[in-house]
Protein backbone atom coordinates (compact mmCIF):
# COMPACT_ATOMS: atom_id res chain seq x y z
CA UNK A 1 27.61 22.55 30.04
CA UNK A 2 25.39 25.42 28.87
CA UNK A 3 26.49 24.92 25.27
CA UNK A 4 25.46 21.26 25.37
CA UNK A 5 22.05 22.12 26.85
CA UNK A 6 21.56 24.88 24.26
CA UNK A 7 22.54 22.48 21.44
CA UNK A 8 20.02 19.89 22.63
CA UNK A 9 17.28 22.52 22.84
CA UNK A 10 18.04 23.72 19.31
CA UNK A 11 17.87 20.14 17.97
CA UNK A 12 14.48 19.63 19.62
CA UNK A 13 13.11 22.88 18.17
CA UNK A 14 14.51 22.03 14.74
CA UNK A 15 13.01 18.53 14.87
CA UNK A 16 9.55 19.76 15.90
CA UNK A 17 9.49 22.50 13.28
CA UNK A 18 10.63 20.04 10.59
CA UNK A 19 7.89 17.57 11.50
CA UNK A 20 5.27 20.33 11.48
CA UNK A 21 6.42 21.51 8.06
CA UNK A 22 6.18 17.95 6.71
CA UNK A 23 2.52 17.49 7.57
CA UNK A 24 2.54 17.15 11.31
CA UNK A 25 -0.57 17.31 13.48
CA UNK A 26 -1.14 21.05 12.90
CA UNK A 27 -3.16 20.36 9.72
CA UNK A 28 -6.61 21.97 9.58
CA UNK A 29 -7.92 19.49 6.98
CA UNK A 30 -9.05 16.03 8.14
CA UNK A 31 -7.38 12.95 6.71
CA UNK A 32 -9.60 11.57 3.92
CA UNK A 33 -11.23 8.21 4.58
CA UNK A 34 -10.69 5.74 1.73
CA UNK A 35 -13.80 4.49 -0.04
CA UNK A 36 -14.20 0.73 0.49
CA UNK A 37 -14.24 -1.50 -2.58
CA UNK A 38 -17.66 -3.21 -2.46
CA UNK A 39 -17.76 -4.49 -6.05
CA UNK A 40 -17.54 -8.28 -6.23
CA UNK A 41 -15.13 -9.76 -8.78
CA UNK A 42 -16.50 -11.42 -11.90
CA UNK A 43 -14.90 -14.72 -12.93
CA UNK A 44 -15.67 -15.97 -16.42
CA UNK A 45 -14.85 -19.48 -17.62
CA UNK A 46 -13.26 -19.68 -21.08
CA UNK A 47 -13.51 -23.13 -22.62
CA UNK A 48 -14.68 -26.43 -21.17
CA UNK A 49 -15.37 -26.83 -17.47
CA UNK A 50 -13.56 -30.20 -17.39
CA UNK A 51 -10.54 -31.62 -19.20
CA UNK A 52 -8.83 -34.99 -19.51
CA UNK A 53 -5.06 -34.83 -19.17
CA UNK A 54 -2.76 -37.82 -19.51
CA UNK A 55 -0.11 -38.50 -16.88
CA UNK A 56 3.34 -37.46 -18.06
CA UNK A 57 2.11 -35.47 -21.07
CA UNK A 58 2.72 -31.74 -21.49
CA UNK A 59 -0.20 -29.50 -20.54
CA UNK A 60 -0.89 -26.47 -22.71
CA UNK A 61 -3.31 -24.05 -21.10
CA UNK A 62 -6.35 -23.49 -23.32
CA UNK A 63 -6.80 -19.74 -23.27
CA UNK A 64 -5.80 -18.50 -19.83
CA UNK A 65 -4.52 -14.95 -19.61
CA UNK A 66 -2.93 -12.97 -16.86
């Protein structure tokens, strides 16, 4: 019974020390706060603002890029 209790205690100590070594809560430096993105996107139209497309005909995009 004592061996089982000792084994459990060793696992707990090992787990706590591993978590501390991996950046646990013992860190003296604060977690950096990310800077919010406040820049609005810019959308630019290439080509005509309207098109006429026939039903059943193939559409070829006039200048779109990804």
